[in-house]
Amino acid sequence: MDAPLLLHDRDDRGVVTLTLNRPQAFNALSEAMLAALGETMDALAEDQTVRAVVLAAAGKAFCAGHDLKEMRAEPSLDYYRQLFDRCTAVMLSIQRLPVPVIARVHGIATAAGCQLVAMCDLAVASDDARFAVSGVNVGLFCATPGVALSRNVPRKAAFEMLVTGDFISAEQARALGLVNRVVPAEALDGEVETLIASIVAKPAVAVAMGKALFYRQIDVGIEAAYADAGTTMACNMMDPSALEGVAAFIEKRPPSWPGRG
């Protein structure tokens, strides 16, 4: 019996680890893999007990992008449009998830695999990880990965990656802002856990409201961004978690968060 394309694990804190599981294909995003990711993200978005999601990968690579063999088997404009629309929907579902999504990156992350890292809210990489948007090397400019990449790294750096297809190191990716932290491979899980522990110690409602606002305000003018941010903070301040947190600060004591919020 075939192994599932996406492994799913959950701990008692509500931290969900999703593991891409096509190691023999360097976790290329086949249609079936995209469907599994999309369905899972949609389900997680409805689960209010989830606190964080880790996106990991089995085998030697994080993700080598789209499955080129599968793409080549059906060369039609309609097919390609539908494929990239499905991929875009999956990428946007990561951003719309009300909890932080952390990419746990090792090996290579290329093309749509690099896009996947860029779309995650946070990323921790092993020091031997490498990143590229390398479609141009086979005559296919990484246009959709470029959307995510250009929203993470400086413009000229993004364009250089897109037009050369060259790899950058994990440390270069950190310097450019594509990943948050770089550690030795043996310390990767521990560093992801450090990040998770800090996140789940915070009120879930504040994190959810903050994440939604963070992405909304990026794409609008500064006046609209401030207006939206002010409304968000006012609503957040009315939540019992914020009221308790402020009271605890004033009273110089640790907060006692109500419920799981």
C-alpha atoms as a PDB file:
ATOM      1  CA  MET A   1       0.000   0.000   0.000  1.00  0.00           C
ATOM      2  CA  ASP A   2       1.365   3.457  -0.950  1.00  0.00           C
ATOM      3  CA  ALA A   3       2.468   5.704   1.890  1.00  0.00           C
ATOM      4  CA  PRO A   4       0.475   8.931   2.312  1.00  0.00           C
ATOM      5  CA  LEU A   5       1.907  11.922   0.457  1.00  0.00           C
ATOM      6  CA  LEU A   6       1.464  14.135   3.492  1.00  0.00           C
ATOM      7  CA  LEU A   7       2.184  12.878   7.002  1.00  0.00           C
ATOM      8  CA  HIS A   8       0.252  14.501   9.833  1.00  0.00           C
ATOM      9  CA  ASP A   9       1.332  14.651  13.474  1.00  0.00           C
ATOM     10  CA  ARG A  10      -0.095  16.641  16.360  1.00  0.00           C
ATOM     11  CA  ASP A  11       1.062  17.157  19.927  1.00  0.00           C
ATOM     12  CA  ASP A  12      -0.955  17.961  23.027  1.00  0.00           C
ATOM     13  CA  ARG A  13      -0.323  21.700  22.621  1.00  0.00           C
ATOM     14  CA  GLY A  14      -2.096  21.833  19.285  1.00  0.00           C
ATOM     15  CA  VAL A  15       1.136  22.020  17.272  1.00  0.00           C
ATOM     16  CA  VAL A  16       0.640  20.227  13.951  1.00  0.00           C
ATOM     17  CA  THR A  17       3.578  18.933  11.906  1.00  0.00           C
ATOM     18  CA  LEU A  18       2.907  18.265   8.237  1.00  0.00           C
ATOM     19  CA  THR A  19       5.618  16.312   6.444  1.00  0.00           C
ATOM     20  CA  LEU A  20       5.898  16.201   2.659  1.00  0.00           C
ATOM     21  CA  ASN A  21       6.388  12.518   1.935  1.00  0.00           C
ATOM     22  CA  ARG A  22       7.644  11.940  -1.611  1.00  0.00           C
ATOM     23  CA  PRO A  23      11.315  11.511  -0.737  1.00  0.00           C
ATOM     24  CA  GLN A  24      12.079   9.540  -3.887  1.00  0.00           C
ATOM     25  CA  ALA A  25      10.940  12.559  -5.943  1.00  0.00           C
ATOM     26  CA  PHE A  26      12.542  15.159  -3.656  1.00  0.00           C
ATOM     27  CA  ASN A  27       9.012  15.989  -2.471  1.00  0.00           C
ATOM     28  CA  ALA A  28       8.008  17.499  -5.806  1.00  0.00           C
ATOM     29  CA  LEU A  29       4.556  19.075  -5.742  1.00  0.00           C
ATOM     30  CA  SER A  30       2.502  16.668  -7.796  1.00  0.00           C
ATOM     31  CA  GLU A  31      -1.205  17.306  -8.323  1.00  0.00           C
ATOM     32  CA  ALA A  32      -1.956  14.784  -5.587  1.00  0.00           C
ATOM     33  CA  MET A  33       0.492  16.472  -3.203  1.00  0.00           C
ATOM     34  CA  LEU A  34      -1.072  19.869  -3.869  1.00  0.00           C
ATOM     35  CA  ALA A  35      -4.534  18.406  -3.262  1.00  0.00           C
ATOM     36  CA  ALA A  36      -3.416  16.860   0.035  1.00  0.00           C
ATOM     37  CA  LEU A  37      -1.848  20.133   1.170  1.00  0.00           C
ATOM     38  CA  GLY A  38      -4.887  22.173   0.174  1.00  0.00           C
ATOM     39  CA  GLU A  39      -7.378  19.894   1.895  1.00  0.00           C
ATOM     40  CA  THR A  40      -5.272  19.771   5.052  1.00  0.00           C
ATOM     41  CA  MET A  41      -4.782  23.534   5.235  1.00  0.00           C
ATOM     42  CA  ASP A  42      -8.521  24.077   4.795  1.00  0.00           C
ATOM     43  CA  ALA A  43      -9.271  21.639   7.608  1.00  0.00           C
ATOM     44  CA  LEU A  44      -6.694  23.205   9.926  1.00  0.00           C
ATOM     45  CA  ALA A  45      -8.158  26.652   9.291  1.00  0.00           C
ATOM     46  CA  GLU A  46     -11.440  25.437  10.821  1.00  0.00           C
ATOM     47  CA  ASP A  47      -9.801  23.828  13.865  1.00  0.00           C
ATOM     48  CA  GLN A  48      -9.642  26.369  16.675  1.00  0.00           C
ATOM     49  CA  THR A  49      -7.450  24.127  18.836  1.00  0.00           C
ATOM     50  CA  VAL A  50      -4.475  24.359  16.442  1.00  0.00           C
ATOM     51  CA  ARG A  51      -1.777  26.735  17.719  1.00  0.00           C
ATOM     52  CA  ALA A  52       0.989  26.401  15.134  1.00  0.00           C
ATOM     53  CA  VAL A  53       1.882  24.390  12.036  1.00  0.00           C
ATOM     54  CA  VAL A  54       5.319  23.086  11.075  1.00  0.00           C
ATOM     55  CA  LEU A  55       5.891  22.225   7.422  1.00  0.00           C
ATOM     56  CA  ALA A  56       8.672  19.647   7.147  1.00  0.00           C
ATOM     57  CA  ALA A  57       9.841  17.121   4.570  1.00  0.00           C
ATOM     58  CA  ALA A  58      11.042  13.521   4.432  1.00  0.00           C
ATOM     59  CA  GLY A  59      14.220  12.401   2.739  1.00  0.00           C
ATOM     60  CA  LYS A  60      17.159  14.440   1.464  1.00  0.00           C
ATOM     61  CA  ALA A  61      15.297  17.528   0.227  1.00  0.00           C
ATOM     62  CA  PHE A  62      12.643  19.937   1.405  1.00  0.00           C
ATOM     63  CA  CYS A  63      10.927  20.371  -1.968  1.00  0.00           C
ATOM     64  CA  ALA A  64      12.134  20.417  -5.570  1.00  0.00           C
ATOM     65  CA  GLY A  65       9.156  22.383  -6.900  1.00  0.00           C
ATOM     66  CA  HIS A  66       6.536  21.215  -9.352  1.00  0.00           C
ATOM     67  CA  ASP A  67       6.613  17.683 -10.723  1.00  0.00           C
ATOM     68  CA  LEU A  68       8.040  18.390 -14.194  1.00  0.00           C
ATOM     69  CA  LYS A  69       7.421  14.856 -15.463  1.00  0.00           C
ATOM     70  CA  GLU A  70       3.741  15.161 -14.583  1.00  0.00           C
ATOM     71  CA  MET A  71       3.568  18.628 -16.141  1.00  0.00           C
ATOM     72  CA  ARG A  72       5.199  17.467 -19.368  1.00  0.00           C
ATOM     73  CA  ALA A  73       2.708  14.618 -19.753  1.00  0.00           C
ATOM     74  CA  GLU A  74      -0.201  16.991 -20.467  1.00  0.00           C
ATOM     75  CA  PRO A  75       1.054  19.999 -22.442  1.00  0.00           C
ATOM     76  CA  SER A  76      -2.029  22.224 -22.780  1.00  0.00           C
ATOM     77  CA  LEU A  77      -2.609  25.833 -21.797  1.00  0.00           C
ATOM     78  CA  ASP A  78      -5.798  25.026 -19.892  1.00  0.00           C
ATOM     79  CA  TYR A  79      -4.074  22.307 -17.890  1.00  0.00           C
ATOM     80  CA  TYR A  80      -1.176  24.556 -16.945  1.00  0.00           C
ATOM     81  CA  ARG A  81      -3.482  27.414 -15.951  1.00  0.00           C
ATOM     82  CA  GLN A  82      -5.498  25.088 -13.733  1.00  0.00           C
ATOM     83  CA  LEU A  83      -2.336  23.610 -12.210  1.00  0.00           C
ATOM     84  CA  PHE A  84      -0.860  26.987 -11.308  1.00  0.00           C
ATOM     85  CA  ASP A  85      -4.225  28.186 -10.010  1.00  0.00           C
ATOM     86  CA  ARG A  86      -4.346  25.154  -7.681  1.00  0.00           C
ATOM     87  CA  CYS A  87      -0.808  25.815  -6.526  1.00  0.00           C
ATOM     88  CA  THR A  88      -1.620  29.479  -5.882  1.00  0.00           C
ATOM     89  CA  ALA A  89      -4.665  28.478  -3.825  1.00  0.00           C
ATOM     90  CA  VAL A  90      -2.467  26.241  -1.642  1.00  0.00           C
ATOM     91  CA  MET A  91       0.141  28.972  -1.184  1.00  0.00           C
ATOM     92  CA  LEU A  92      -2.508  31.524  -0.185  1.00  0.00           C
ATOM     93  CA  SER A  93      -4.105  29.047   2.234  1.00  0.00           C
ATOM     94  CA  ILE A  94      -0.843  29.077   4.209  1.00  0.00           C
ATOM     95  CA  GLN A  95      -0.997  32.837   4.552  1.00  0.00           C
ATOM     96  CA  ARG A  96      -4.701  32.764   5.440  1.00  0.00           C
ATOM     97  CA  LEU A  97      -4.282  30.126   8.141  1.00  0.00           C
ATOM     98  CA  PRO A  98      -4.936  31.881  11.468  1.00  0.00           C
ATOM     99  CA  VAL A  99      -1.847  30.383  13.124  1.00  0.00           C
ATOM    100  CA  PRO A 100       1.861  30.760  12.328  1.00  0.00           C
ATOM    101  CA  VAL A 101       3.265  28.292   9.789  1.00  0.00           C
ATOM    102  CA  ILE A 102       6.955  27.462  10.179  1.00  0.00           C
ATOM    103  CA  ALA A 103       8.993  25.907   7.369  1.00  0.00           C
ATOM    104  CA  ARG A 104      11.550  23.382   8.632  1.00  0.00           C
ATOM    105  CA  VAL A 105      14.009  23.352   5.745  1.00  0.00           C
ATOM    106  CA  HIS A 106      16.812  20.958   4.920  1.00  0.00           C
ATOM    107  CA  GLY A 107      18.453  20.008   1.660  1.00  0.00           C
ATOM    108  CA  ILE A 108      17.212  21.899  -1.372  1.00  0.00           C
ATOM    109  CA  ALA A 109      14.173  24.126  -1.773  1.00  0.00           C
ATOM    110  CA  THR A 110      13.845  24.985  -5.444  1.00  0.00           C
ATOM    111  CA  ALA A 111      11.273  26.710  -7.666  1.00  0.00           C
ATOM    112  CA  ALA A 112       7.822  26.121  -6.103  1.00  0.00           C
ATOM    113  CA  GLY A 113       9.660  24.576  -3.144  1.00  0.00           C
ATOM    114  CA  CYS A 114      11.394  27.897  -2.551  1.00  0.00           C
ATOM    115  CA  GLN A 115       7.987  29.542  -3.023  1.00  0.00           C
ATOM    116  CA  LEU A 116       6.628  27.300  -0.279  1.00  0.00           C
ATOM    117  CA  VAL A 117       9.346  28.504   2.114  1.00  0.00           C
ATOM    118  CA  ALA A 118       8.638  32.121   1.197  1.00  0.00           C
ATOM    119  CA  MET A 119       4.907  31.719   1.816  1.00  0.00           C
ATOM    120  CA  CYS A 120       5.388  30.284   5.298  1.00  0.00           C
ATOM    121  CA  ASP A 121       5.265  32.895   8.043  1.00  0.00           C
ATOM    122  CA  LEU A 122       8.580  31.776   9.507  1.00  0.00           C
ATOM    123  CA  ALA A 123      11.403  29.514   8.350  1.00  0.00           C
ATOM    124  CA  VAL A 124      14.232  27.699  10.111  1.00  0.00           C
ATOM    125  CA  ALA A 125      16.898  26.094   7.921  1.00  0.00           C
ATOM    126  CA  SER A 126      19.771  23.727   8.449  1.00  0.00           C
ATOM    127  CA  ASP A 127      23.131  25.210   7.493  1.00  0.00           C
ATOM    128  CA  ASP A 128      23.437  22.839   4.542  1.00  0.00           C
ATOM    129  CA  ALA A 129      20.125  23.924   2.980  1.00  0.00           C
ATOM    130  CA  ARG A 130      20.169  25.620  -0.423  1.00  0.00           C
ATOM    131  CA  PHE A 131      17.570  27.699  -2.200  1.00  0.00           C
ATOM    132  CA  ALA A 132      16.898  28.560  -5.839  1.00  0.00           C
ATOM    133  CA  VAL A 133      14.155  29.606  -8.235  1.00  0.00           C
ATOM    134  CA  SER A 134      15.751  27.617 -11.007  1.00  0.00           C
ATOM    135  CA  GLY A 135      13.008  27.235 -13.596  1.00  0.00           C
ATOM    136  CA  VAL A 136      14.820  29.582 -15.966  1.00  0.00           C
ATOM    137  CA  ASN A 137      17.498  26.893 -16.322  1.00  0.00           C
ATOM    138  CA  VAL A 138      14.957  24.743 -18.176  1.00  0.00           C
ATOM    139  CA  GLY A 139      13.385  27.677 -20.017  1.00  0.00           C
ATOM    140  CA  LEU A 140      10.554  28.261 -17.533  1.00  0.00           C
ATOM    141  CA  PHE A 141      10.799  31.558 -15.662  1.00  0.00           C
ATOM    142  CA  CYS A 142       9.630  31.010 -12.062  1.00  0.00           C
ATOM    143  CA  ALA A 143       6.867  33.603 -12.303  1.00  0.00           C
ATOM    144  CA  THR A 144       4.603  32.383  -9.491  1.00  0.00           C
ATOM    145  CA  PRO A 145       7.493  31.607  -7.118  1.00  0.00           C
ATOM    146  CA  GLY A 146       8.713  35.115  -7.926  1.00  0.00           C
ATOM    147  CA  VAL A 147       5.565  36.600  -6.412  1.00  0.00           C
ATOM    148  CA  ALA A 148       6.376  35.084  -3.015  1.00  0.00           C
ATOM    149  CA  LEU A 149      10.140  35.574  -3.319  1.00  0.00           C
ATOM    150  CA  SER A 150       9.861  39.286  -4.145  1.00  0.00           C
ATOM    151  CA  ARG A 151       7.739  39.795  -1.040  1.00  0.00           C
ATOM    152  CA  ASN A 152      10.459  38.299   1.156  1.00  0.00           C
ATOM    153  CA  VAL A 153      13.799  39.483  -0.176  1.00  0.00           C
ATOM    154  CA  PRO A 154      15.046  42.771  -1.683  1.00  0.00           C
ATOM    155  CA  ARG A 155      13.962  43.405  -5.261  1.00  0.00           C
ATOM    156  CA  LYS A 156      17.356  43.144  -6.976  1.00  0.00           C
ATOM    157  CA  ALA A 157      18.269  40.004  -5.049  1.00  0.00           C
ATOM    158  CA  ALA A 158      14.970  38.386  -6.039  1.00  0.00           C
ATOM    159  CA  PHE A 159      15.426  39.296  -9.690  1.00  0.00           C
ATOM    160  CA  GLU A 160      18.976  37.985  -9.735  1.00  0.00           C
ATOM    161  CA  MET A 161      17.804  34.655  -8.366  1.00  0.00           C
ATOM    162  CA  LEU A 162      14.976  34.513 -10.906  1.00  0.00           C
ATOM    163  CA  VAL A 163      17.056  35.329 -14.002  1.00  0.00           C
ATOM    164  CA  THR A 164      20.136  33.271 -13.106  1.00  0.00           C
ATOM    165  CA  GLY A 165      18.537  30.251 -11.439  1.00  0.00           C
ATOM    166  CA  ASP A 166      21.585  30.132  -9.180  1.00  0.00           C
ATOM    167  CA  PHE A 167      21.499  28.597  -5.711  1.00  0.00           C
ATOM    168  CA  ILE A 168      22.014  30.618  -2.562  1.00  0.00           C
ATOM    169  CA  SER A 169      23.188  29.161   0.735  1.00  0.00           C
ATOM    170  CA  ALA A 170      21.165  28.994   3.920  1.00  0.00           C
ATOM    171  CA  GLU A 171      23.223  31.831   5.388  1.00  0.00           C
ATOM    172  CA  GLN A 172      22.626  33.970   2.286  1.00  0.00           C
ATOM    173  CA  ALA A 173      18.911  33.176   2.560  1.00  0.00           C
ATOM    174  CA  ARG A 174      18.944  34.350   6.171  1.00  0.00           C
ATOM    175  CA  ALA A 175      20.798  37.562   5.296  1.00  0.00           C
ATOM    176  CA  LEU A 176      18.248  38.311   2.560  1.00  0.00           C
ATOM    177  CA  GLY A 177      15.256  37.585   4.815  1.00  0.00           C
ATOM    178  CA  LEU A 178      14.031  34.388   3.167  1.00  0.00           C
ATOM    179  CA  VAL A 179      14.571  32.414   6.389  1.00  0.00           C
ATOM    180  CA  ASN A 180      14.653  33.530  10.023  1.00  0.00           C
ATOM    181  CA  ARG A 181      17.244  31.219  11.549  1.00  0.00           C
ATOM    182  CA  VAL A 182      20.037  28.916  10.372  1.00  0.00           C
ATOM    183  CA  VAL A 183      21.445  26.172  12.580  1.00  0.00           C
ATOM    184  CA  PRO A 184      23.461  22.961  12.180  1.00  0.00           C
ATOM    185  CA  ALA A 185      21.365  20.066  10.910  1.00  0.00           C
ATOM    186  CA  GLU A 186      21.443  18.299  14.271  1.00  0.00           C
ATOM    187  CA  ALA A 187      20.032  21.407  15.972  1.00  0.00           C
ATOM    188  CA  LEU A 188      17.196  21.978  13.482  1.00  0.00           C
ATOM    189  CA  ASP A 189      14.398  20.357  15.475  1.00  0.00           C
ATOM    190  CA  GLY A 190      15.498  22.054  18.678  1.00  0.00           C
ATOM    191  CA  GLU A 191      15.498  25.489  17.029  1.00  0.00           C
ATOM    192  CA  VAL A 192      12.028  24.917  15.563  1.00  0.00           C
ATOM    193  CA  GLU A 193      10.837  23.892  19.025  1.00  0.00           C
ATOM    194  CA  THR A 194      12.298  27.046  20.570  1.00  0.00           C
ATOM    195  CA  LEU A 195      10.285  29.137  18.119  1.00  0.00           C
ATOM    196  CA  ILE A 196       7.114  27.108  18.693  1.00  0.00           C
ATOM    197  CA  ALA A 197       7.402  27.335  22.479  1.00  0.00           C
ATOM    198  CA  SER A 198       7.571  31.102  22.274  1.00  0.00           C
ATOM    199  CA  ILE A 199       4.519  31.250  19.987  1.00  0.00           C
ATOM    200  CA  VAL A 200       2.244  28.900  21.921  1.00  0.00           C
ATOM    201  CA  ALA A 201       2.995  30.770  25.146  1.00  0.00           C
ATOM    202  CA  LYS A 202       1.127  33.759  23.683  1.00  0.00           C
ATOM    203  CA  PRO A 203      -2.668  34.171  23.484  1.00  0.00           C
ATOM    204  CA  ALA A 204      -3.973  32.485  20.338  1.00  0.00           C
ATOM    205  CA  VAL A 205      -6.487  35.230  19.595  1.00  0.00           C
ATOM    206  CA  ALA A 206      -3.800  37.921  19.584  1.00  0.00           C
ATOM    207  CA  VAL A 207      -1.610  35.867  17.256  1.00  0.00           C
ATOM    208  CA  ALA A 208      -4.514  35.150  14.892  1.00  0.00           C
ATOM    209  CA  MET A 209      -5.648  38.754  14.724  1.00  0.00           C
ATOM    210  CA  GLY A 210      -2.077  39.934  14.362  1.00  0.00           C
ATOM    211  CA  LYS A 211      -1.237  37.556  11.529  1.00  0.00           C
ATOM    212  CA  ALA A 212      -4.325  38.541   9.545  1.00  0.00           C
ATOM    213  CA  LEU A 213      -3.551  42.237  10.004  1.00  0.00           C
ATOM    214  CA  PHE A 214       0.143  41.763   9.214  1.00  0.00           C
ATOM    215  CA  TYR A 215      -0.604  40.540   5.699  1.00  0.00           C
ATOM    216  CA  ARG A 216      -3.493  42.934   5.048  1.00  0.00           C
ATOM    217  CA  GLN A 217      -1.483  46.030   5.851  1.00  0.00           C
ATOM    218  CA  ILE A 218       1.559  45.086   3.766  1.00  0.00           C
ATOM    219  CA  ASP A 219      -0.297  45.531   0.485  1.00  0.00           C
ATOM    220  CA  VAL A 220      -2.006  48.881   1.123  1.00  0.00           C
ATOM    221  CA  GLY A 221      -0.868  52.476   1.580  1.00  0.00           C
ATOM    222  CA  ILE A 222       0.420  53.588   4.970  1.00  0.00           C
ATOM    223  CA  GLU A 223      -2.713  55.551   5.920  1.00  0.00           C
ATOM    224  CA  ALA A 224      -4.995  52.590   5.203  1.00  0.00           C
ATOM    225  CA  ALA A 225      -2.541  50.303   6.999  1.00  0.00           C
ATOM    226  CA  TYR A 226      -2.624  52.455  10.130  1.00  0.00           C
ATOM    227  CA  ALA A 227      -6.429  52.671  10.037  1.00  0.00           C
ATOM    228  CA  ASP A 228      -6.729  48.883   9.799  1.00  0.00           C
ATOM    229  CA  ALA A 229      -4.068  48.356  12.454  1.00  0.00           C
ATOM    230  CA  GLY A 230      -5.796  50.741  14.858  1.00  0.00           C
ATOM    231  CA  THR A 231      -9.110  48.953  14.492  1.00  0.00           C
ATOM    232  CA  THR A 232      -7.420  45.580  14.948  1.00  0.00           C
ATOM    233  CA  MET A 233      -5.661  46.694  18.122  1.00  0.00           C
ATOM    234  CA  ALA A 234      -8.876  48.156  19.536  1.00  0.00           C
ATOM    235  CA  CYS A 235     -10.725  44.870  18.911  1.00  0.00           C
ATOM    236  CA  ASN A 236      -7.791  42.890  20.303  1.00  0.00           C
ATOM    237  CA  MET A 237      -7.751  45.060  23.419  1.00  0.00           C
ATOM    238  CA  MET A 238     -11.370  44.110  24.145  1.00  0.00           C
ATOM    239  CA  ASP A 239     -10.475  40.416  24.245  1.00  0.00           C
ATOM    240  CA  PRO A 240     -10.183  38.868  27.738  1.00  0.00           C
ATOM    241  CA  SER A 241      -6.634  37.714  27.009  1.00  0.00           C
ATOM    242  CA  ALA A 242      -5.417  41.239  26.363  1.00  0.00           C
ATOM    243  CA  LEU A 243      -7.280  42.598  29.382  1.00  0.00           C
ATOM    244  CA  GLU A 244      -5.652  39.923  31.555  1.00  0.00           C
ATOM    245  CA  GLY A 245      -2.215  40.529  30.015  1.00  0.00           C
ATOM    246  CA  VAL A 246      -2.349  44.265  30.663  1.00  0.00           C
ATOM    247  CA  ALA A 247      -3.634  43.721  34.200  1.00  0.00           C
ATOM    248  CA  ALA A 248      -0.823  41.252  34.878  1.00  0.00           C
ATOM    249  CA  PHE A 249       1.756  43.722  33.581  1.00  0.00           C
ATOM    250  CA  ILE A 250       0.409  46.511  35.789  1.00  0.00           C
ATOM    251  CA  GLU A 251       0.242  44.188  38.781  1.00  0.00           C
ATOM    252  CA  LYS A 252       3.746  42.817  38.072  1.00  0.00           C
ATOM    253  CA  ARG A 253       2.658  39.172  37.912  1.00  0.00           C
ATOM    254  CA  PRO A 254       2.624  36.449  35.233  1.00  0.00           C
ATOM    255  CA  PRO A 255      -0.537  36.477  33.105  1.00  0.00           C
ATOM    256  CA  SER A 256      -3.125  33.723  33.515  1.00  0.00           C
ATOM    257  CA  TRP A 257      -4.533  33.372  30.026  1.00  0.00           C
ATOM    258  CA  PRO A 258      -8.251  32.548  29.934  1.00  0.00           C
ATOM    259  CA  GLY A 259      -8.926  29.141  28.362  1.00  0.00           C
ATOM    260  CA  ARG A 260      -6.638  28.381  25.384  1.00  0.00           C
ATOM    261  CA  GLY A 261      -6.994  31.941  24.119  1.00  0.00           C
END
